């Protein structure tokens, strides 16, 4: 005797199809703007126990937000980087330069000079968001192109203390499960 799967009521099936269509729409629209960032640090730092540690580099995600190649990423990805290498969703590779770095908010901006036209992600207006709205996070953790997760806006107006102790106000909280090095996007 074989076990049969339970039937999904047609109304639920339609809702799931609409949810899937919304998420895949965001991936098609924003995915090409998501980049992988490789960082060569070759830095020597002193650990809390006094031991000298060499850090060779790492990688993370970011997204293109202007047609002339400005990319938003996290400060912890690029901070202290000796050289920055960006891989676009289509596989094109570029050297990048650090434009700005704010460890207090964990944000940084880098820039590439692309040979071909690039399409930036369209930035939205966070003041229009409401608790319960769908959010989608797209990233390139560990070089896995277009890794996607989804959730909802869990809360608005949160305060968060940064690693440096600075208080950051008016933060959005989501329940989207983020891999390390994932860029976030909102529907």
C-alpha atoms as a PDB file:
ATOM      1  CA  UNK A   1       0.000   0.000   0.000  1.00  0.00           C
ATOM      2  CA  UNK A   2       1.398   3.412  -0.930  1.00  0.00           C
ATOM      3  CA  UNK A   3       0.903   6.558   1.053  1.00  0.00           C
ATOM      4  CA  UNK A   4      -0.852   9.378  -0.797  1.00  0.00           C
ATOM      5  CA  UNK A   5      -0.020  13.065  -0.404  1.00  0.00           C
ATOM      6  CA  UNK A   6      -2.760  15.217   1.040  1.00  0.00           C
ATOM      7  CA  UNK A   7      -4.545  17.368  -1.516  1.00  0.00           C
ATOM      8  CA  UNK A   8      -3.979  21.122  -1.253  1.00  0.00           C
ATOM      9  CA  UNK A   9      -7.277  23.022  -1.457  1.00  0.00           C
ATOM     10  CA  UNK A  10      -7.419  25.067  -4.664  1.00  0.00           C
ATOM     11  CA  UNK A  11      -7.615  28.397  -2.796  1.00  0.00           C
ATOM     12  CA  UNK A  12      -4.419  27.544  -0.843  1.00  0.00           C
ATOM     13  CA  UNK A  13      -2.754  26.431  -4.045  1.00  0.00           C
ATOM     14  CA  UNK A  14      -3.593  29.769  -5.668  1.00  0.00           C
ATOM     15  CA  UNK A  15      -2.160  31.656  -2.687  1.00  0.00           C
ATOM     16  CA  UNK A  16       1.053  29.618  -2.816  1.00  0.00           C
ATOM     17  CA  UNK A  17       1.327  30.247  -6.561  1.00  0.00           C
ATOM     18  CA  UNK A  18       0.900  34.008  -5.981  1.00  0.00           C
ATOM     19  CA  UNK A  19       3.572  33.945  -3.247  1.00  0.00           C
ATOM     20  CA  UNK A  20       5.941  32.026  -5.532  1.00  0.00           C
ATOM     21  CA  UNK A  21       5.262  34.433  -8.392  1.00  0.00           C
ATOM     22  CA  UNK A  22       6.071  37.421  -6.139  1.00  0.00           C
ATOM     23  CA  UNK A  23       9.370  35.926  -4.964  1.00  0.00           C
ATOM     24  CA  UNK A  24      10.476  34.840  -8.448  1.00  0.00           C
ATOM     25  CA  UNK A  25       9.592  38.316  -9.759  1.00  0.00           C
ATOM     26  CA  UNK A  26      11.959  39.894  -7.212  1.00  0.00           C
ATOM     27  CA  UNK A  27      14.718  37.410  -8.090  1.00  0.00           C
ATOM     28  CA  UNK A  28      14.371  38.162 -11.820  1.00  0.00           C
ATOM     29  CA  UNK A  29      14.364  41.896 -11.171  1.00  0.00           C
ATOM     30  CA  UNK A  30      17.079  42.236  -8.495  1.00  0.00           C
ATOM     31  CA  UNK A  31      19.196  39.097  -9.009  1.00  0.00           C
ATOM     32  CA  UNK A  32      21.272  40.548 -11.881  1.00  0.00           C
ATOM     33  CA  UNK A  33      22.336  43.428  -9.592  1.00  0.00           C
ATOM     34  CA  UNK A  34      23.640  41.152  -6.819  1.00  0.00           C
ATOM     35  CA  UNK A  35      27.421  40.688  -6.844  1.00  0.00           C
ATOM     36  CA  UNK A  36      30.057  38.570  -5.159  1.00  0.00           C
ATOM     37  CA  UNK A  37      32.910  40.488  -3.545  1.00  0.00           C
ATOM     38  CA  UNK A  38      36.260  38.819  -2.907  1.00  0.00           C
ATOM     39  CA  UNK A  39      38.613  40.651  -0.577  1.00  0.00           C
ATOM     40  CA  UNK A  40      42.344  40.179  -0.185  1.00  0.00           C
ATOM     41  CA  UNK A  41      43.299  41.483   3.227  1.00  0.00           C
ATOM     42  CA  UNK A  42      46.743  40.035   3.854  1.00  0.00           C
ATOM     43  CA  UNK A  43      46.527  41.793   7.200  1.00  0.00           C
ATOM     44  CA  UNK A  44      48.249  41.065  10.456  1.00  0.00           C
ATOM     45  CA  UNK A  45      46.141  41.660  13.561  1.00  0.00           C
ATOM     46  CA  UNK A  46      46.599  41.034  17.252  1.00  0.00           C
ATOM     47  CA  UNK A  47      44.030  38.695  18.815  1.00  0.00           C
ATOM     48  CA  UNK A  48      42.597  39.466  22.298  1.00  0.00           C
ATOM     49  CA  UNK A  49      45.026  36.953  23.822  1.00  0.00           C
ATOM     50  CA  UNK A  50      47.963  38.900  22.329  1.00  0.00           C
ATOM     51  CA  UNK A  51      48.705  36.344  19.632  1.00  0.00           C
ATOM     52  CA  UNK A  52      49.471  37.682  16.127  1.00  0.00           C
ATOM     53  CA  UNK A  53      47.020  36.377  13.511  1.00  0.00           C
ATOM     54  CA  UNK A  54      47.278  36.710   9.719  1.00  0.00           C
ATOM     55  CA  UNK A  55      44.006  37.216   7.869  1.00  0.00           C
ATOM     56  CA  UNK A  56      44.112  36.389   4.190  1.00  0.00           C
ATOM     57  CA  UNK A  57      40.718  37.672   3.076  1.00  0.00           C
ATOM     58  CA  UNK A  58      37.191  36.575   2.495  1.00  0.00           C
ATOM     59  CA  UNK A  59      34.106  37.183   0.447  1.00  0.00           C
ATOM     60  CA  UNK A  60      30.630  38.627   0.695  1.00  0.00           C
ATOM     61  CA  UNK A  61      27.723  40.024  -1.275  1.00  0.00           C
ATOM     62  CA  UNK A  62      26.603  43.433  -2.362  1.00  0.00           C
ATOM     63  CA  UNK A  63      24.311  44.983  -4.907  1.00  0.00           C
ATOM     64  CA  UNK A  64      24.771  47.538  -7.660  1.00  0.00           C
ATOM     65  CA  UNK A  65      22.668  50.616  -6.938  1.00  0.00           C
ATOM     66  CA  UNK A  66      23.760  53.067  -9.666  1.00  0.00           C
ATOM     67  CA  UNK A  67      24.318  52.601 -13.409  1.00  0.00           C
ATOM     68  CA  UNK A  68      27.924  53.801 -13.038  1.00  0.00           C
ATOM     69  CA  UNK A  69      28.898  50.863 -10.834  1.00  0.00           C
ATOM     70  CA  UNK A  70      28.455  51.928  -7.213  1.00  0.00           C
ATOM     71  CA  UNK A  71      27.859  48.883  -4.992  1.00  0.00           C
ATOM     72  CA  UNK A  72      26.464  48.761  -1.447  1.00  0.00           C
ATOM     73  CA  UNK A  73      27.920  46.086   0.817  1.00  0.00           C
ATOM     74  CA  UNK A  74      28.806  45.543   4.476  1.00  0.00           C
ATOM     75  CA  UNK A  75      31.765  47.219   6.106  1.00  0.00           C
ATOM     76  CA  UNK A  76      32.848  43.934   7.692  1.00  0.00           C
ATOM     77  CA  UNK A  77      33.217  42.473   4.169  1.00  0.00           C
ATOM     78  CA  UNK A  78      35.602  45.131   2.792  1.00  0.00           C
ATOM     79  CA  UNK A  79      37.115  46.806   5.865  1.00  0.00           C
ATOM     80  CA  UNK A  80      40.895  46.544   5.793  1.00  0.00           C
ATOM     81  CA  UNK A  81      40.886  45.038   2.304  1.00  0.00           C
ATOM     82  CA  UNK A  82      44.066  45.348   0.270  1.00  0.00           C
ATOM     83  CA  UNK A  83      42.267  44.635  -2.988  1.00  0.00           C
ATOM     84  CA  UNK A  84      38.632  44.100  -3.952  1.00  0.00           C
ATOM     85  CA  UNK A  85      37.384  41.862  -6.772  1.00  0.00           C
ATOM     86  CA  UNK A  86      33.745  41.862  -7.897  1.00  0.00           C
ATOM     87  CA  UNK A  87      31.975  39.147  -9.874  1.00  0.00           C
ATOM     88  CA  UNK A  88      28.670  40.069 -11.492  1.00  0.00           C
ATOM     89  CA  UNK A  89      25.762  37.659 -11.866  1.00  0.00           C
ATOM     90  CA  UNK A  90      26.752  37.086 -15.520  1.00  0.00           C
ATOM     91  CA  UNK A  91      30.278  36.061 -14.486  1.00  0.00           C
ATOM     92  CA  UNK A  92      32.055  39.281 -15.531  1.00  0.00           C
ATOM     93  CA  UNK A  93      34.868  40.204 -13.125  1.00  0.00           C
ATOM     94  CA  UNK A  94      36.148  43.636 -12.129  1.00  0.00           C
ATOM     95  CA  UNK A  95      38.562  45.282  -9.744  1.00  0.00           C
ATOM     96  CA  UNK A  96      36.769  47.587  -7.310  1.00  0.00           C
ATOM     97  CA  UNK A  97      37.791  50.603  -5.285  1.00  0.00           C
ATOM     98  CA  UNK A  98      36.577  51.475  -1.809  1.00  0.00           C
ATOM     99  CA  UNK A  99      34.540  54.695  -1.888  1.00  0.00           C
ATOM    100  CA  UNK A 100      33.291  54.815   1.707  1.00  0.00           C
ATOM    101  CA  UNK A 101      33.305  52.624   4.800  1.00  0.00           C
ATOM    102  CA  UNK A 102      31.294  53.090   8.018  1.00  0.00           C
ATOM    103  CA  UNK A 103      32.034  50.324  10.542  1.00  0.00           C
ATOM    104  CA  UNK A 104      29.510  51.869  13.000  1.00  0.00           C
ATOM    105  CA  UNK A 105      26.597  51.030  10.687  1.00  0.00           C
ATOM    106  CA  UNK A 106      28.376  48.100   8.979  1.00  0.00           C
ATOM    107  CA  UNK A 107      27.856  49.712   5.564  1.00  0.00           C
ATOM    108  CA  UNK A 108      30.347  50.363   2.781  1.00  0.00           C
ATOM    109  CA  UNK A 109      30.279  51.552  -0.817  1.00  0.00           C
ATOM    110  CA  UNK A 110      32.657  50.293  -3.484  1.00  0.00           C
ATOM    111  CA  UNK A 111      32.773  51.038  -7.222  1.00  0.00           C
ATOM    112  CA  UNK A 112      33.558  49.121 -10.383  1.00  0.00           C
ATOM    113  CA  UNK A 113      34.068  50.510 -13.888  1.00  0.00           C
ATOM    114  CA  UNK A 114      32.120  48.095 -16.053  1.00  0.00           C
ATOM    115  CA  UNK A 115      32.904  47.601 -19.729  1.00  0.00           C
ATOM    116  CA  UNK A 116      29.276  46.867 -20.583  1.00  0.00           C
ATOM    117  CA  UNK A 117      26.088  48.555 -19.325  1.00  0.00           C
ATOM    118  CA  UNK A 118      24.974  47.344 -15.914  1.00  0.00           C
ATOM    119  CA  UNK A 119      21.516  47.487 -14.418  1.00  0.00           C
ATOM    120  CA  UNK A 120      21.244  48.702 -10.834  1.00  0.00           C
ATOM    121  CA  UNK A 121      18.711  47.474  -8.306  1.00  0.00           C
ATOM    122  CA  UNK A 122      15.939  49.989  -7.793  1.00  0.00           C
ATOM    123  CA  UNK A 123      15.918  51.356  -4.247  1.00  0.00           C
ATOM    124  CA  UNK A 124      12.557  51.580  -2.518  1.00  0.00           C
ATOM    125  CA  UNK A 125      11.132  53.850   0.154  1.00  0.00           C
ATOM    126  CA  UNK A 126      11.326  52.129   3.535  1.00  0.00           C
ATOM    127  CA  UNK A 127       8.811  54.581   5.010  1.00  0.00           C
ATOM    128  CA  UNK A 128       6.138  52.816   2.938  1.00  0.00           C
ATOM    129  CA  UNK A 129       6.809  49.408   4.539  1.00  0.00           C
ATOM    130  CA  UNK A 130       4.427  47.834   7.017  1.00  0.00           C
ATOM    131  CA  UNK A 131       4.862  45.004   9.507  1.00  0.00           C
ATOM    132  CA  UNK A 132       3.854  41.761   7.821  1.00  0.00           C
ATOM    133  CA  UNK A 133       4.974  42.719   4.311  1.00  0.00           C
ATOM    134  CA  UNK A 134       6.911  40.146   2.336  1.00  0.00           C
ATOM    135  CA  UNK A 135      10.718  40.539   2.167  1.00  0.00           C
ATOM    136  CA  UNK A 136      13.163  38.684  -0.020  1.00  0.00           C
ATOM    137  CA  UNK A 137      16.906  38.388   0.597  1.00  0.00           C
ATOM    138  CA  UNK A 138      19.174  37.570  -2.334  1.00  0.00           C
ATOM    139  CA  UNK A 139      22.881  37.059  -1.962  1.00  0.00           C
ATOM    140  CA  UNK A 140      25.976  35.360  -3.148  1.00  0.00           C
ATOM    141  CA  UNK A 141      27.282  33.664  -0.018  1.00  0.00           C
ATOM    142  CA  UNK A 142      30.394  31.621  -0.660  1.00  0.00           C
ATOM    143  CA  UNK A 143      29.996  32.185  -4.410  1.00  0.00           C
ATOM    144  CA  UNK A 144      26.593  30.469  -4.636  1.00  0.00           C
ATOM    145  CA  UNK A 145      24.970  32.869  -7.092  1.00  0.00           C
ATOM    146  CA  UNK A 146      21.440  34.105  -6.367  1.00  0.00           C
ATOM    147  CA  UNK A 147      20.796  32.369  -3.068  1.00  0.00           C
ATOM    148  CA  UNK A 148      17.261  33.375  -2.089  1.00  0.00           C
ATOM    149  CA  UNK A 149      15.216  33.370   1.097  1.00  0.00           C
ATOM    150  CA  UNK A 150      11.962  35.074   2.029  1.00  0.00           C
ATOM    151  CA  UNK A 151      10.093  36.187   5.115  1.00  0.00           C
ATOM    152  CA  UNK A 152       8.177  39.162   6.436  1.00  0.00           C
ATOM    153  CA  UNK A 153       8.901  42.512   8.043  1.00  0.00           C
ATOM    154  CA  UNK A 154       8.714  41.543  11.710  1.00  0.00           C
ATOM    155  CA  UNK A 155       9.078  44.985  13.279  1.00  0.00           C
ATOM    156  CA  UNK A 156       9.864  48.597  12.437  1.00  0.00           C
ATOM    157  CA  UNK A 157      11.736  51.282  14.338  1.00  0.00           C
ATOM    158  CA  UNK A 158      14.048  48.941  16.245  1.00  0.00           C
ATOM    159  CA  UNK A 159      17.265  50.208  17.849  1.00  0.00           C
ATOM    160  CA  UNK A 160      20.438  48.186  17.595  1.00  0.00           C
ATOM    161  CA  UNK A 161      23.864  48.678  19.120  1.00  0.00           C
ATOM    162  CA  UNK A 162      26.697  48.267  16.621  1.00  0.00           C
ATOM    163  CA  UNK A 163      29.940  46.400  17.302  1.00  0.00           C
ATOM    164  CA  UNK A 164      31.540  49.734  18.156  1.00  0.00           C
ATOM    165  CA  UNK A 165      28.792  50.567  20.665  1.00  0.00           C
ATOM    166  CA  UNK A 166      27.036  53.189  18.529  1.00  0.00           C
ATOM    167  CA  UNK A 167      23.245  53.085  18.755  1.00  0.00           C
ATOM    168  CA  UNK A 168      21.571  52.740  15.358  1.00  0.00           C
ATOM    169  CA  UNK A 169      17.917  53.774  15.385  1.00  0.00           C
ATOM    170  CA  UNK A 170      14.941  53.089  13.128  1.00  0.00           C
ATOM    171  CA  UNK A 171      16.058  49.649  11.943  1.00  0.00           C
ATOM    172  CA  UNK A 172      13.820  47.140  10.165  1.00  0.00           C
ATOM    173  CA  UNK A 173      13.598  43.639  11.586  1.00  0.00           C
ATOM    174  CA  UNK A 174      12.771  40.684   9.356  1.00  0.00           C
ATOM    175  CA  UNK A 175      12.406  36.977   9.913  1.00  0.00           C
ATOM    176  CA  UNK A 176      14.078  36.149   6.578  1.00  0.00           C
ATOM    177  CA  UNK A 177      16.781  33.614   7.337  1.00  0.00           C
ATOM    178  CA  UNK A 178      20.057  35.131   6.142  1.00  0.00           C
ATOM    179  CA  UNK A 179      23.145  33.200   5.184  1.00  0.00           C
ATOM    180  CA  UNK A 180      26.386  35.006   5.930  1.00  0.00           C
ATOM    181  CA  UNK A 181      27.158  37.411   3.059  1.00  0.00           C
ATOM    182  CA  UNK A 182      23.577  37.850   1.815  1.00  0.00           C
ATOM    183  CA  UNK A 183      22.219  41.125   0.464  1.00  0.00           C
ATOM    184  CA  UNK A 184      18.605  41.934   1.327  1.00  0.00           C
ATOM    185  CA  UNK A 185      15.823  43.121  -0.932  1.00  0.00           C
ATOM    186  CA  UNK A 186      12.229  44.036  -0.220  1.00  0.00           C
ATOM    187  CA  UNK A 187       9.088  43.453  -2.258  1.00  0.00           C
END
